[in-house]
Amino acid sequence: MAHVRFCLSAACALAVSAAPVSPAHAQADFYKGKTVTIVVGFSPGGGYDINARAVARHIGRHIPGNPNVVVQNAPGAGSLSAVRNLEATLPRDGTTIVTFNPGLVTQSIVQPETVKVDFRKVAWVGVVTADYRVCYGFGPKGVKTWDEMMKRKEFILGSTAKGSGNYINGATLRIVFNAPVRQILGFPGSAEQRLAVERGELDGDCGSYSSIPIAWVKQKKIHPFVRFSETRDDEIPESAVYIGTFAKSDEQRALLDVLSGGDEIGRPFIMSKQVPADRVAMVRKAFMATMKDPAFLAEMEKLGHPVRPLPGEKVEAIVTKMSGAAPEVLKKARAIYE
């Protein structure tokens, strides 16, 4: 005969209250009513800022507990200040995410004593898109080909600081290929650099193709003449020749492998390694869900910014591989930062 078990209401209530809370519910409780801050290591208006604000408008829906998500700009040292503050002054409980210039990853490997950040020891949330980088001339009289650039008396570029992505690109032309590049440092962000380009104070720029103002592209104001990734994204014109084409020695090719190794880490988002692992996992999952969110994708398409995401685990593997470069190659790469 089947036995039926009855549960008195008081006893049931006690049993339910004593039941263990699942990690997902625990983290939902943590984020409920909280504000998550995405710290951008650059001034407002540039590519990093635009991407961060788009992510902020959508990721909260995918984090259990649906926290409010805001953006805070904290420019300084080419975004290195924001990265350092992640462990020094910012909350390390999962309510702070930092987005920064991925060129710092390469610099941290080549010049660890300068950057003083080990990117193997941060929690990688994910990347919005690979960084397909180019150098371009601007305006009707601007440089249009590699040969034109090499024949110039000087090709003037601007940057926030040594270590930033466009600085490394320009310095690669200057040091590895003896190009007549002169670099002016100290710009707060890409928005200010673009103004200088429009005023004719700079001859062009190097940077992510996706962050170039779409109006400049449509109006054919820019002339991409070299790219840093062997793979050419469909949006990048064929005029942007792969820089490895101009390498004449094994040394040049090895240097390019190190200096361009971080291009896959195009628009990175990180958290402190001290954030509990289950919260990191939850935010990683929310980030990748955001990358597939139709509303987010529609906004990014309207902005003209591509979405080719990488999960945090994949980025960790890339950084680990980069850190294993041969010492003699790293020694030669140091000149790019000096």
Foldseek 3Di string as FASTA:
>chain_A
DDDDDDDDPVRVVVVVVPDDDDLLVVQLVVQAAAEAEEEEQFDPDFPLNVVQVLCQVALLVQFRNSHRYYYHYHHDQQSLVVVVCLPPPDDQALRYKYKGALLLLLCCLLPVVVSVDHVLQWQWLKAFFFFWKFWKFFAPPADAAPVSQQPDQEAEEEEAHQSGLFLLVQLLCCPLVVTRYDYHYRDRDVVVRVVCNVVVVGGTTMTGPQRDQVVCVVVVRIHTQAILDPDDDPVDDPNHHYPVVPDDDPLSVLLSCSSCLSSRRPTTMTHGSPHDPSSSVSSSVSSVVLLVDPVSCVVCVVRSGDGDMDGSVVVSVSSVVSSPRDPVSSNVNSVSRD
